[in-house]
Amino acid sequence: MGRASACGIHEVRVTIHYSLPNRTHAHPEGMPKPNTKKRSPSETAEEKALAAEAMLRKAALAYAAVAHLNTSDPRWRRCWRALLIAAFRVAEAL
């Protein structure tokens, strides 16, 4: 940024201050942080077990809907695989 003159280019410096008068922050009150509660391992394990149980229930219902199909049917295989994975998740959560 500069301007030309007959002798050459003269540099023009502009200082801009982005300070706020008498404050350290734009919003001193700010947003309050949510309280984070440390959860015990048993609470976490209980949530995992409930989630795995719900997954198992959903997979079992899906399998029941296609149980009458031939085992070579891709829908049957997909539901059986989901049921198997859900059962392992329940066992893992316990």
Protein backbone atom coordinates (compact mmCIF):
# COMPACT_ATOMS: atom_id res chain seq x y z
CA MET A 1 0.00 0.00 0.00
CA GLY A 2 1.61 3.24 -1.01
CA ARG A 3 1.37 6.19 -3.31
CA ALA A 4 3.55 7.21 -6.16
CA SER A 5 5.34 10.50 -6.33
CA ALA A 6 7.82 12.05 -8.72
CA CYS A 7 10.71 10.71 -6.64
CA GLY A 8 9.42 7.15 -6.21
CA ILE A 9 7.06 5.28 -3.92
CA HIS A 10 6.41 6.58 -0.42
CA GLU A 11 5.20 4.11 2.11
CA VAL A 12 2.12 5.06 4.10
CA ARG A 13 1.61 3.26 7.38
CA VAL A 14 -1.77 3.12 9.03
CA THR A 15 -2.21 1.73 12.52
CA ILE A 16 -5.63 0.40 13.41
CA HIS A 17 -6.43 -0.45 17.01
CA TYR A 18 -9.03 -3.06 17.65
CA SER A 19 -9.17 -2.57 21.37
CA LEU A 20 -12.25 -2.27 23.48
CA PRO A 21 -12.34 0.56 25.98
CA ASN A 22 -12.11 -0.52 29.63
CA ARG A 23 -12.81 -4.21 28.88
CA THR A 24 -10.72 -7.27 28.39
CA HIS A 25 -13.37 -9.19 26.41
CA ALA A 26 -16.14 -8.21 24.03
CA HIS A 27 -18.71 -9.92 26.25
CA PRO A 28 -17.44 -10.06 29.81
CA GLU A 29 -20.40 -12.08 31.08
CA GLY A 30 -19.99 -14.63 28.28
CA MET A 31 -21.77 -17.92 27.94
CA PRO A 32 -21.73 -20.06 31.07
CA LYS A 33 -20.11 -23.44 30.70
CA PRO A 34 -22.43 -26.38 31.28
CA ASN A 35 -21.75 -28.39 34.39
CA THR A 36 -19.98 -31.58 33.49
CA LYS A 37 -20.66 -34.39 35.87
CA LYS A 38 -18.15 -37.17 36.09
CA ARG A 39 -20.03 -40.40 35.68
CA SER A 40 -19.09 -43.55 37.47
CA PRO A 41 -17.99 -46.57 35.44
CA SER A 42 -21.11 -48.43 36.54
CA GLU A 43 -23.33 -45.69 35.06
CA THR A 44 -21.46 -45.88 31.77
CA ALA A 45 -21.63 -49.69 31.75
CA GLU A 46 -25.37 -49.58 32.47
CA GLU A 47 -25.95 -47.24 29.52
CA LYS A 48 -23.91 -49.48 27.24
CA ALA A 49 -25.86 -52.54 28.38
CA LEU A 50 -29.19 -50.80 27.76
CA ALA A 51 -28.10 -49.66 24.30
CA ALA A 52 -26.89 -53.16 23.44
CA GLU A 53 -30.15 -54.65 24.70
CA ALA A 54 -32.17 -52.27 22.55
CA MET A 55 -30.00 -53.15 19.55
CA LEU A 56 -30.53 -56.87 20.24
CA ARG A 57 -34.29 -56.39 20.51
CA LYS A 58 -34.42 -54.51 17.20
CA ALA A 59 -32.27 -57.12 15.46
CA ALA A 60 -34.39 -59.97 16.87
CA LEU A 61 -37.57 -58.36 15.56
CA ALA A 62 -36.00 -57.87 12.14
CA TYR A 63 -34.84 -61.48 12.13
CA ALA A 64 -38.29 -62.71 13.16
CA ALA A 65 -39.74 -60.89 10.15
CA VAL A 66 -37.49 -62.79 7.72
CA ALA A 67 -37.01 -66.07 9.63
CA HIS A 68 -39.32 -67.91 7.26
CA LEU A 69 -37.07 -67.10 4.29
CA ASN A 70 -34.46 -69.43 2.86
CA THR A 71 -31.04 -69.09 4.52
CA SER A 72 -29.49 -68.18 1.17
CA ASP A 73 -31.71 -65.08 0.94
CA PRO A 74 -29.58 -61.92 1.47
CA ARG A 75 -32.25 -60.39 3.73
CA TRP A 76 -32.10 -63.40 6.03
CA ARG A 77 -28.30 -63.26 6.12
CA ARG A 78 -28.30 -59.52 6.83
CA CYS A 79 -30.74 -59.90 9.71
CA TRP A 80 -28.91 -62.92 11.12
CA ARG A 81 -25.62 -61.00 11.02
CA ALA A 82 -27.21 -58.02 12.79
CA LEU A 83 -28.63 -60.36 15.43
CA LEU A 84 -25.24 -62.01 15.93
CA ILE A 85 -23.46 -58.65 16.30
CA ALA A 86 -26.10 -57.39 18.72
CA ALA A 87 -25.74 -60.53 20.84
CA PHE A 88 -21.98 -60.01 21.03
CA ARG A 89 -22.49 -56.36 22.05
CA VAL A 90 -24.80 -57.43 24.88
CA ALA A 91 -22.28 -59.99 26.08
CA GLU A 92 -19.50 -57.41 25.84
CA ALA A 93 -21.50 -54.86 27.85
CA LEU A 94 -22.08 -57.30 30.70
